[in-house]
């Protein structure tokens, strides 16, 4: 699975993908928080991102539950401290 090193500067995790039907994010670290959202990479912060992943947390975002426009969007991430591993998987049709 793809992974990204997320630090205290915003990072684009995925681009927009109209074939995406779901996306899974897993914070594979043992400390700190990772924040994810569809907010542009230059604007994302720990205070405005909608999803917080604590160490070893995961979230599944699906078109059925969260809406297709959310799922297909570009996703960004930022951490509150350190460098953290974020594993992700895109479910495409």
Protein backbone atom coordinates (compact mmCIF):
# COMPACT_ATOMS: atom_id res chain seq x y z
CA UNK A 1 0.00 0.00 0.00
CA UNK A 2 1.17 3.54 -0.65
CA UNK A 3 2.42 5.54 2.29
CA UNK A 4 3.46 9.09 3.04
CA UNK A 5 5.65 10.72 5.68
CA UNK A 6 3.52 13.44 7.23
CA UNK A 7 5.13 16.25 9.19
CA UNK A 8 4.17 19.69 10.41
CA UNK A 9 3.99 21.13 6.89
CA UNK A 10 0.93 20.33 4.79
CA UNK A 11 1.36 17.50 2.30
CA UNK A 12 -0.87 16.42 -0.58
CA UNK A 13 -1.56 12.71 -0.16
CA UNK A 14 -3.69 12.03 -3.25
CA UNK A 15 -4.79 13.94 -6.30
CA UNK A 16 -8.36 14.12 -7.51
CA UNK A 17 -9.46 10.75 -8.90
CA UNK A 18 -12.93 10.41 -10.45
CA UNK A 19 -12.61 6.59 -10.46
CA UNK A 20 -12.14 6.44 -6.65
CA UNK A 21 -15.07 4.89 -4.76
CA UNK A 22 -13.43 4.71 -1.34
CA UNK A 23 -10.23 5.63 0.46
CA UNK A 24 -8.69 4.25 3.65
CA UNK A 25 -6.20 6.12 5.82
CA UNK A 26 -4.15 4.44 8.58
CA UNK A 27 -1.86 6.32 10.98
CA UNK A 28 0.90 3.75 11.36
CA UNK A 29 2.82 5.65 14.02
CA UNK A 30 2.94 5.27 17.79
CA UNK A 31 2.63 8.94 18.76
CA UNK A 32 1.32 12.33 17.58
CA UNK A 33 -1.80 13.07 15.54
CA UNK A 34 -2.29 13.28 11.79
CA UNK A 35 -5.03 15.51 10.42
CA UNK A 36 -6.55 14.87 6.99
CA UNK A 37 -9.06 16.72 4.84
CA UNK A 38 -9.86 17.84 1.30
CA UNK A 39 -8.52 21.29 2.19
CA UNK A 40 -5.80 22.44 -0.25
CA UNK A 41 -2.28 21.57 0.90
CA UNK A 42 -1.30 25.22 1.40
CA UNK A 43 -4.27 25.85 3.69
CA UNK A 44 -4.54 22.70 5.82
CA UNK A 45 -3.70 22.96 9.51
CA UNK A 46 -4.29 20.91 12.64
CA UNK A 47 -7.02 23.38 13.65
CA UNK A 48 -9.05 23.36 10.42
CA UNK A 49 -8.79 19.76 9.21
CA UNK A 50 -11.95 17.74 9.70
CA UNK A 51 -10.45 14.34 10.53
CA UNK A 52 -7.94 13.56 13.28
CA UNK A 53 -6.15 10.24 13.38
CA UNK A 54 -4.42 9.31 16.61
CA UNK A 55 -1.59 6.78 16.58
CA UNK A 56 -2.82 3.48 15.08
CA UNK A 57 -6.21 4.96 14.10
CA UNK A 58 -7.77 4.30 10.72
CA UNK A 59 -10.74 5.66 8.80
CA UNK A 60 -12.63 4.41 5.76
CA UNK A 61 -14.27 7.05 3.57
CA UNK A 62 -16.80 5.78 1.03
CA UNK A 63 -18.89 7.36 -1.71
CA UNK A 64 -22.00 5.76 -0.24
CA UNK A 65 -21.49 7.19 3.27
CA UNK A 66 -19.57 10.40 2.63
CA UNK A 67 -20.58 11.45 -0.89
CA UNK A 68 -18.83 11.00 -4.19
CA UNK A 69 -17.53 14.60 -4.32
CA UNK A 70 -15.69 14.05 -1.03
CA UNK A 71 -14.22 10.69 -2.01
CA UNK A 72 -12.89 11.77 -5.42
CA UNK A 73 -11.28 14.98 -4.09
CA UNK A 74 -7.57 15.54 -3.55
CA UNK A 75 -6.61 14.77 0.08
CA UNK A 76 -4.04 16.58 2.21
CA UNK A 77 -2.52 15.83 5.61
CA UNK A 78 -0.53 17.52 8.35
CA UNK A 79 0.78 16.32 11.73
CA UNK A 80 0.92 18.15 15.05
CA UNK A 81 4.52 17.01 15.69
CA UNK A 82 7.32 14.88 14.29
CA UNK A 83 7.27 12.82 11.13
CA UNK A 84 4.50 10.22 10.98
CA UNK A 85 3.67 7.39 8.59
CA UNK A 86 0.29 7.54 6.90
CA UNK A 87 -0.70 4.47 4.90
CA UNK A 88 -3.55 4.84 2.43
CA UNK A 89 -5.47 2.73 -0.05
CA UNK A 90 -7.70 3.96 -2.85
CA UNK A 91 -10.58 1.73 -3.88
CA UNK A 92 -11.25 2.35 -7.56
CA UNK A 93 -13.75 0.92 -9.96
